[in-house]
C-alpha atoms as a PDB file:
ATOM      1  CA  MET A   1      95.480-131.867  -5.809  1.00  0.00           C
ATOM      2  CA  THR A   2      96.479-127.654  -6.031  1.00  0.00           C
ATOM      3  CA  GLY A   3      99.277-125.393  -7.285  1.00  0.00           C
ATOM      4  CA  ARG A   4     101.496-123.633  -4.403  1.00  0.00           C
ATOM      5  CA  SER A   5     101.712-120.181  -3.420  1.00  0.00           C
ATOM      6  CA  SER A   6     102.800-117.515  -5.067  1.00  0.00           C
ATOM      7  CA  PRO A   7     103.625-113.881  -2.329  1.00  0.00           C
ATOM      8  CA  PRO A   8     102.591-111.045  -3.716  1.00  0.00           C
ATOM      9  CA  ARG A   9     105.016-108.746  -5.655  1.00  0.00           C
ATOM     10  CA  ALA A  10     103.445-105.978  -5.105  1.00  0.00           C
ATOM     11  CA  ALA A  11     101.711-103.860  -1.752  1.00  0.00           C
ATOM     12  CA  ARG A  12      98.622-103.657  -3.878  1.00  0.00           C
ATOM     13  CA  ALA A  13      98.923-106.700  -6.475  1.00  0.00           C
ATOM     14  CA  PHE A  14      95.215-108.467  -7.311  1.00  0.00           C
ATOM     15  CA  ARG A  15      95.169-111.589  -5.794  1.00  0.00           C
ATOM     16  CA  VAL A  16      94.113-114.527  -8.666  1.00  0.00           C
ATOM     17  CA  VAL A  17      93.034-118.228  -8.073  1.00  0.00           C
ATOM     18  CA  VAL A  18      93.258-119.988 -11.116  1.00  0.00           C
ATOM     19  CA  ALA A  19      90.701-123.169 -11.622  1.00  0.00           C
ATOM     20  CA  ASP A  20      91.453-125.699 -14.805  1.00  0.00           C
ATOM     21  CA  ASP A  21      91.527-129.368 -14.827  1.00  0.00           C
ATOM     22  CA  GLU A  22      93.687-129.091 -17.729  1.00  0.00           C
ATOM     23  CA  PRO A  23      97.091-129.272 -16.530  1.00  0.00           C
ATOM     24  CA  PHE A  24      98.177-127.111 -19.814  1.00  0.00           C
ATOM     25  CA  VAL A  25      95.925-124.178 -19.976  1.00  0.00           C
ATOM     26  CA  ARG A  26      96.324-124.257 -16.125  1.00  0.00           C
ATOM     27  CA  ARG A  27      99.503-123.072 -16.313  1.00  0.00           C
ATOM     28  CA  THR A  28      99.297-121.296 -19.498  1.00  0.00           C
ATOM     29  CA  LEU A  29      96.717-119.357 -16.930  1.00  0.00           C
ATOM     30  CA  ALA A  30      98.754-118.898 -14.121  1.00  0.00           C
ATOM     31  CA  ASN A  31     101.820-117.909 -16.846  1.00  0.00           C
ATOM     32  CA  TYR A  32     100.002-114.588 -17.891  1.00  0.00           C
ATOM     33  CA  VAL A  33      98.860-113.549 -15.052  1.00  0.00           C
ATOM     34  CA  GLY A  34     102.386-113.752 -13.417  1.00  0.00           C
ATOM     35  CA  THR A  35     103.581-111.902 -16.301  1.00  0.00           C
ATOM     36  CA  ALA A  36     101.974-108.804 -14.544  1.00  0.00           C
ATOM     37  CA  GLU A  37     103.021-106.507 -11.879  1.00  0.00           C
ATOM     38  CA  ASP A  38      99.682-105.963 -10.277  1.00  0.00           C
ATOM     39  CA  LEU A  39      98.594-109.928 -10.823  1.00  0.00           C
ATOM     40  CA  VAL A  40      99.805-112.395  -8.037  1.00  0.00           C
ATOM     41  CA  VAL A  41      98.715-116.084  -9.153  1.00  0.00           C
ATOM     42  CA  VAL A  42      98.074-116.907  -5.147  1.00  0.00           C
ATOM     43  CA  GLY A  43      96.281-121.072  -6.318  1.00  0.00           C
ATOM     44  CA  CYS A  44      95.399-123.153  -9.065  1.00  0.00           C
ATOM     45  CA  ALA A  45      92.418-125.723  -8.710  1.00  0.00           C
ATOM     46  CA  THR A  46      91.651-128.615 -10.852  1.00  0.00           C
ATOM     47  CA  ASN A  47      88.117-128.223  -9.790  1.00  0.00           C
ATOM     48  CA  GLY A  48      85.005-126.706  -8.344  1.00  0.00           C
ATOM     49  CA  PRO A  49      85.260-127.003  -4.880  1.00  0.00           C
ATOM     50  CA  ASP A  50      88.878-126.124  -4.506  1.00  0.00           C
ATOM     51  CA  ALA A  51      88.676-123.463  -6.139  1.00  0.00           C
ATOM     52  CA  VAL A  52      86.039-121.975  -4.020  1.00  0.00           C
ATOM     53  CA  ARG A  53      88.984-123.149  -0.808  1.00  0.00           C
ATOM     54  CA  LEU A  54      91.778-121.610  -2.429  1.00  0.00           C
ATOM     55  CA  ALA A  55      89.943-118.066  -3.148  1.00  0.00           C
ATOM     56  CA  ARG A  56      88.731-118.089   0.908  1.00  0.00           C
ATOM     57  CA  ASP A  57      92.332-119.425   1.911  1.00  0.00           C
ATOM     58  CA  GLY A  58      94.125-117.030  -0.678  1.00  0.00           C
ATOM     59  CA  ARG A  59      91.628-114.149   0.309  1.00  0.00           C
ATOM     60  CA  ALA A  60      91.411-114.041  -3.344  1.00  0.00           C
ATOM     61  CA  ASP A  61      90.364-110.514  -5.449  1.00  0.00           C
ATOM     62  CA  VAL A  62      89.131-112.998  -8.683  1.00  0.00           C
ATOM     63  CA  VAL A  63      88.846-116.645  -9.458  1.00  0.00           C
ATOM     64  CA  LEU A  64      89.885-117.843 -13.335  1.00  0.00           C
ATOM     65  CA  MET A  65      86.883-120.616 -13.378  1.00  0.00           C
ATOM     66  CA  ASP A  66      87.002-123.363 -15.946  1.00  0.00           C
ATOM     67  CA  LEU A  67      82.900-124.192 -16.696  1.00  0.00           C
ATOM     68  CA  ARG A  68      83.325-127.571 -16.930  1.00  0.00           C
ATOM     69  CA  MET A  69      85.586-129.643 -14.899  1.00  0.00           C
ATOM     70  CA  PRO A  70      85.356-133.400 -13.797  1.00  0.00           C
ATOM     71  CA  GLY A  71      84.952-133.486  -9.827  1.00  0.00           C
ATOM     72  CA  GLY A  72      82.720-129.763  -9.606  1.00  0.00           C
ATOM     73  CA  ASP A  73      82.374-128.078 -12.317  1.00  0.00           C
ATOM     74  CA  GLY A  74      82.732-124.137 -12.599  1.00  0.00           C
ATOM     75  CA  TYR A  75      79.077-122.745 -12.856  1.00  0.00           C
ATOM     76  CA  THR A  76      78.459-124.064  -9.392  1.00  0.00           C
ATOM     77  CA  ALA A  77      81.526-123.147  -7.766  1.00  0.00           C
ATOM     78  CA  THR A  78      80.795-119.314  -8.906  1.00  0.00           C
ATOM     79  CA  GLN A  79      77.564-119.863  -7.653  1.00  0.00           C
ATOM     80  CA  ALA A  80      79.464-121.044  -4.503  1.00  0.00           C
ATOM     81  CA  LEU A  81      81.433-117.828  -4.841  1.00  0.00           C
ATOM     82  CA  ARG A  82      78.296-115.263  -4.487  1.00  0.00           C
ATOM     83  CA  ARG A  83      76.964-116.941  -1.731  1.00  0.00           C
ATOM     84  CA  ALA A  84      79.941-117.154   0.383  1.00  0.00           C
ATOM     85  CA  LEU A  85      82.085-114.541  -0.776  1.00  0.00           C
ATOM     86  CA  PRO A  86      80.622-112.094  -2.282  1.00  0.00           C
ATOM     87  CA  ASP A  87      83.261-109.955  -2.395  1.00  0.00           C
ATOM     88  CA  VAL A  88      85.829-112.689  -5.197  1.00  0.00           C
ATOM     89  CA  ARG A  89      84.681-111.974  -8.930  1.00  0.00           C
ATOM     90  CA  VAL A  90      84.763-114.680 -11.515  1.00  0.00           C
ATOM     91  CA  VAL A  91      85.800-114.950 -15.065  1.00  0.00           C
ATOM     92  CA  ALA A  92      84.935-117.802 -16.444  1.00  0.00           C
ATOM     93  CA  ILE A  93      86.943-119.481 -19.159  1.00  0.00           C
ATOM     94  CA  THR A  94      85.721-121.667 -21.879  1.00  0.00           C
ATOM     95  CA  ALA A  95      86.946-123.666 -24.852  1.00  0.00           C
ATOM     96  CA  LEU A  96      83.349-123.351 -26.276  1.00  0.00           C
ATOM     97  CA  ASP A  97      82.504-120.135 -28.238  1.00  0.00           C
ATOM     98  CA  SER A  98      78.638-120.173 -27.268  1.00  0.00           C
ATOM     99  CA  ARG A  99      76.233-117.344 -26.041  1.00  0.00           C
ATOM    100  CA  GLU A 100      74.497-119.990 -24.329  1.00  0.00           C
ATOM    101  CA  ALA A 101      77.936-120.522 -22.190  1.00  0.00           C
ATOM    102  CA  ALA A 102      78.261-116.473 -21.646  1.00  0.00           C
ATOM    103  CA  GLN A 103      74.559-116.109 -20.540  1.00  0.00           C
ATOM    104  CA  ALA A 104      74.864-119.468 -17.857  1.00  0.00           C
ATOM    105  CA  ALA A 105      78.061-118.021 -16.494  1.00  0.00           C
ATOM    106  CA  ILE A 106      76.282-114.818 -15.714  1.00  0.00           C
ATOM    107  CA  ARG A 107      73.279-116.355 -14.208  1.00  0.00           C
ATOM    108  CA  ALA A 108      76.041-117.839 -11.828  1.00  0.00           C
ATOM    109  CA  GLY A 109      77.730-114.515 -11.244  1.00  0.00           C
ATOM    110  CA  ALA A 110      80.467-114.498 -13.522  1.00  0.00           C
ATOM    111  CA  LEU A 111      81.606-110.564 -14.284  1.00  0.00           C
ATOM    112  CA  GLY A 112      84.027-111.718 -17.306  1.00  0.00           C
ATOM    113  CA  PHE A 113      83.592-114.026 -19.985  1.00  0.00           C
ATOM    114  CA  LEU A 114      86.990-115.488 -22.060  1.00  0.00           C
ATOM    115  CA  ARG A 115      87.664-118.143 -24.296  1.00  0.00           C
ATOM    116  CA  LYS A 116      91.019-120.165 -23.681  1.00  0.00           C
ATOM    117  CA  SER A 117      92.209-119.438 -26.960  1.00  0.00           C
ATOM    118  CA  ALA A 118      92.530-115.818 -25.508  1.00  0.00           C
ATOM    119  CA  GLY A 119      96.021-114.161 -25.972  1.00  0.00           C
ATOM    120  CA  ARG A 120      97.830-112.839 -23.005  1.00  0.00           C
ATOM    121  CA  ASN A 121      97.099-109.237 -23.608  1.00  0.00           C
ATOM    122  CA  VAL A 122      93.676-109.788 -23.230  1.00  0.00           C
ATOM    123  CA  VAL A 123      93.732-112.516 -20.386  1.00  0.00           C
ATOM    124  CA  VAL A 124      95.528-109.438 -18.072  1.00  0.00           C
ATOM    125  CA  ASP A 125      93.153-107.226 -19.693  1.00  0.00           C
ATOM    126  CA  THR A 126      90.003-108.494 -18.520  1.00  0.00           C
ATOM    127  CA  VAL A 127      91.921-109.787 -14.612  1.00  0.00           C
ATOM    128  CA  ARG A 128      92.909-106.189 -13.874  1.00  0.00           C
ATOM    129  CA  LEU A 129      88.974-104.741 -15.132  1.00  0.00           C
ATOM    130  CA  VAL A 130      87.192-107.376 -13.171  1.00  0.00           C
ATOM    131  CA  ALA A 131      89.271-107.119 -10.164  1.00  0.00           C
ATOM    132  CA  GLN A 132      89.014-103.360 -10.701  1.00  0.00           C
ATOM    133  CA  GLY A 133      84.678-104.362 -10.432  1.00  0.00           C
ATOM    134  CA  HIS A 134      83.875-104.254 -14.236  1.00  0.00           C
ATOM    135  CA  SER A 135      82.079-106.644 -15.909  1.00  0.00           C
ATOM    136  CA  VAL A 136      83.724-107.771 -19.178  1.00  0.00           C
ATOM    137  CA  LEU A 137      80.937-109.316 -21.340  1.00  0.00           C
ATOM    138  CA  PRO A 138      79.104-109.124 -24.541  1.00  0.00           C
ATOM    139  CA  LEU A 139      76.675-106.163 -23.682  1.00  0.00           C
ATOM    140  CA  GLU A 140      73.888-107.953 -24.945  1.00  0.00           C
ATOM    141  CA  ASP A 141      74.154-110.355 -22.657  1.00  0.00           C
ATOM    142  CA  PHE A 142      74.967-108.899 -19.724  1.00  0.00           C
ATOM    143  CA  THR A 143      72.471-106.053 -20.091  1.00  0.00           C
ATOM    144  CA  ARG A 144      69.645-108.768 -20.818  1.00  0.00           C
ATOM    145  CA  LEU A 145      70.596-111.073 -18.122  1.00  0.00           C
ATOM    146  CA  THR A 146      70.956-108.471 -15.109  1.00  0.00           C
ATOM    147  CA  GLY A 147      68.699-105.239 -16.007  1.00  0.00           C
ATOM    148  CA  GLY A 148      71.728-102.948 -16.718  1.00  0.00           C
ATOM    149  CA  ALA A 149      73.610-103.246 -13.504  1.00  0.00           C
ATOM    150  CA  GLY A 150      77.050-103.177 -12.768  1.00  0.00           C
ATOM    151  CA  SER A 151      79.305-101.640 -15.250  1.00  0.00           C
ATOM    152  CA  HIS A 152      80.723-101.410 -18.485  1.00  0.00           C
ATOM    153  CA  GLU A 153      83.254 -99.827 -20.468  1.00  0.00           C
ATOM    154  CA  ILE A 154      81.904 -99.504 -23.616  1.00  0.00           C
ATOM    155  CA  PRO A 155      80.525 -96.239 -25.444  1.00  0.00           C
ATOM    156  CA  LYS A 156      76.850 -95.769 -26.591  1.00  0.00           C
ATOM    157  CA  GLY A 157      77.516 -93.969 -29.892  1.00  0.00           C
ATOM    158  CA  ALA A 158      76.866 -95.228 -33.330  1.00  0.00           C
ATOM    159  CA  THR A 159      78.836 -97.850 -34.622  1.00  0.00           C
ATOM    160  CA  PRO A 160      81.802 -96.312 -36.010  1.00  0.00           C
ATOM    161  CA  ARG A 161      83.301 -96.199 -39.899  1.00  0.00           C
ATOM    162  CA  LEU A 162      85.866 -98.905 -39.898  1.00  0.00           C
ATOM    163  CA  THR A 163      88.235 -99.424 -42.623  1.00  0.00           C
ATOM    164  CA  ARG A 164      87.997-103.037 -44.473  1.00  0.00           C
ATOM    165  CA  ARG A 165      91.812-103.458 -42.599  1.00  0.00           C
ATOM    166  CA  GLU A 166      90.486-102.080 -38.788  1.00  0.00           C
ATOM    167  CA  GLN A 167      87.359-104.785 -39.711  1.00  0.00           C
ATOM    168  CA  GLU A 168      90.250-107.487 -40.519  1.00  0.00           C
ATOM    169  CA  VAL A 169      92.617-106.358 -36.862  1.00  0.00           C
ATOM    170  CA  LEU A 170      89.502-106.254 -35.104  1.00  0.00           C
ATOM    171  CA  GLY A 171      88.133-109.582 -36.273  1.00  0.00           C
ATOM    172  CA  ARG A 172      91.037-111.349 -35.155  1.00  0.00           C
ATOM    173  CA  LEU A 173      91.136-109.615 -32.263  1.00  0.00           C
ATOM    174  CA  THR A 174      87.893-111.010 -31.051  1.00  0.00           C
ATOM    175  CA  GLN A 175      89.753-114.807 -32.083  1.00  0.00           C
ATOM    176  CA  GLY A 176      92.167-113.306 -28.717  1.00  0.00           C
ATOM    177  CA  MET A 177      95.171-113.234 -31.342  1.00  0.00           C
ATOM    178  CA  THR A 178      98.185-111.708 -30.077  1.00  0.00           C
ATOM    179  CA  ASN A 179      99.422-108.013 -32.081  1.00  0.00           C
ATOM    180  CA  ARG A 180     102.093-110.321 -33.259  1.00  0.00           C
ATOM    181  CA  GLN A 181      99.468-113.404 -34.789  1.00  0.00           C
ATOM    182  CA  ILE A 182      97.644-111.015 -36.118  1.00  0.00           C
ATOM    183  CA  ALA A 183     100.279-109.481 -38.036  1.00  0.00           C
ATOM    184  CA  ALA A 184     100.962-112.769 -39.620  1.00  0.00           C
ATOM    185  CA  ASP A 185      98.305-113.777 -40.585  1.00  0.00           C
ATOM    186  CA  LEU A 186      97.295-110.187 -42.255  1.00  0.00           C
ATOM    187  CA  GLY A 187     100.829-110.651 -43.700  1.00  0.00           C
ATOM    188  CA  ILE A 188     101.603-107.313 -42.016  1.00  0.00           C
ATOM    189  CA  SER A 189     104.217-106.066 -39.859  1.00  0.00           C
ATOM    190  CA  GLU A 190     103.675-106.050 -36.083  1.00  0.00           C
ATOM    191  CA  SER A 191     104.007-102.206 -35.886  1.00  0.00           C
ATOM    192  CA  THR A 192     101.350-101.891 -38.506  1.00  0.00           C
ATOM    193  CA  ALA A 193      98.903-104.482 -36.666  1.00  0.00           C
ATOM    194  CA  LYS A 194      99.474-102.090 -33.628  1.00  0.00           C
ATOM    195  CA  MET A 195      98.755 -99.155 -35.409  1.00  0.00           C
ATOM    196  CA  HIS A 196      95.671-100.299 -36.835  1.00  0.00           C
ATOM    197  CA  LEU A 197      94.306-101.701 -33.574  1.00  0.00           C
ATOM    198  CA  THR A 198      95.370 -98.248 -32.155  1.00  0.00           C
ATOM    199  CA  ALA A 199      92.894 -96.105 -34.707  1.00  0.00           C
ATOM    200  CA  VAL A 200      89.921 -98.861 -34.072  1.00  0.00           C
ATOM    201  CA  MET A 201      90.650 -98.376 -30.427  1.00  0.00           C
ATOM    202  CA  SER A 202      90.340 -94.205 -30.816  1.00  0.00           C
ATOM    203  CA  LYS A 203      86.947 -95.018 -33.287  1.00  0.00           C
ATOM    204  CA  LEU A 204      85.445 -97.248 -30.465  1.00  0.00           C
ATOM    205  CA  GLY A 205      86.261 -94.830 -28.082  1.00  0.00           C
ATOM    206  CA  VAL A 206      87.771 -97.343 -25.563  1.00  0.00           C
ATOM    207  CA  THR A 207      91.316 -97.498 -24.463  1.00  0.00           C
ATOM    208  CA  SER A 208      92.578-100.943 -23.963  1.00  0.00           C
ATOM    209  CA  ARG A 209      92.016-104.367 -25.933  1.00  0.00           C
ATOM    210  CA  VAL A 210      89.729-105.883 -23.313  1.00  0.00           C
ATOM    211  CA  GLN A 211      87.317-102.826 -23.978  1.00  0.00           C
ATOM    212  CA  ALA A 212      88.000-103.239 -27.734  1.00  0.00           C
ATOM    213  CA  LEU A 213      86.637-106.757 -27.523  1.00  0.00           C
ATOM    214  CA  ALA A 214      83.444-106.005 -25.171  1.00  0.00           C
ATOM    215  CA  ALA A 215      82.370-102.844 -27.515  1.00  0.00           C
ATOM    216  CA  ALA A 216      82.800-105.398 -31.019  1.00  0.00           C
ATOM    217  CA  TYR A 217      80.578-107.732 -29.759  1.00  0.00           C
ATOM    218  CA  ARG A 218      78.372-104.805 -28.801  1.00  0.00           C
ATOM    219  CA  LEU A 219      78.490-103.468 -32.267  1.00  0.00           C
ATOM    220  CA  GLY A 220      78.476-107.056 -33.724  1.00  0.00           C
ATOM    221  CA  LEU A 221      82.341-106.216 -35.416  1.00  0.00           C
ATOM    222  CA  THR A 222      83.101-109.612 -34.709  1.00  0.00           C
ATOM    223  CA  SER A 223      83.758-110.732 -38.774  1.00  0.00           C
ATOM    224  CA  SER A 224      87.474-111.674 -39.669  1.00  0.00           C
ATOM    225  CA  GLU A 225      87.015-110.555 -42.756  1.00  0.00           C
END
């Protein structure tokens, strides 16, 4: 069973297919993507084969692909997409926080990797970057498995010196929290959380939340405490 297609809202909007067997996750991801003016959902699938078909029929640029689905898993579907539709880029999504899952997704051909708990901004930024041809993956895994092929928006300088609060903010960002959730969790205002996140991105030499996430993975800055 698949969802109905939606017409693009902008001439250059990137076309996205969402594939997940859980209705709530599928609706949530589709709603997240639908908030961006330069992204449009052209179909929703509940299994791998439907995701491949919708990507072809909907001329998709990106597929948000659940890795574990009955009736056709995301790994096999990603491999099929890479063979049949090499211009379609895949962002793997999973409830597992596992290096093995990330590595398997990379081997299958995914350019992005998201946890299902990721917030709207992280989802939108990841889809947008992958649509533009960037990889949004832990750099260690990507380099080891691809020999350094592709592009990655992470500076190569020394580990930056973050204050304790900045480390706490970055750690919660890696958990998929929004600015509001970070503020509530740390007992600070949302504007203060944004200020700390801006400082973190400046020190990391990046300009988006997704690039900050990738840099955190590369530098081992993933602890929330």
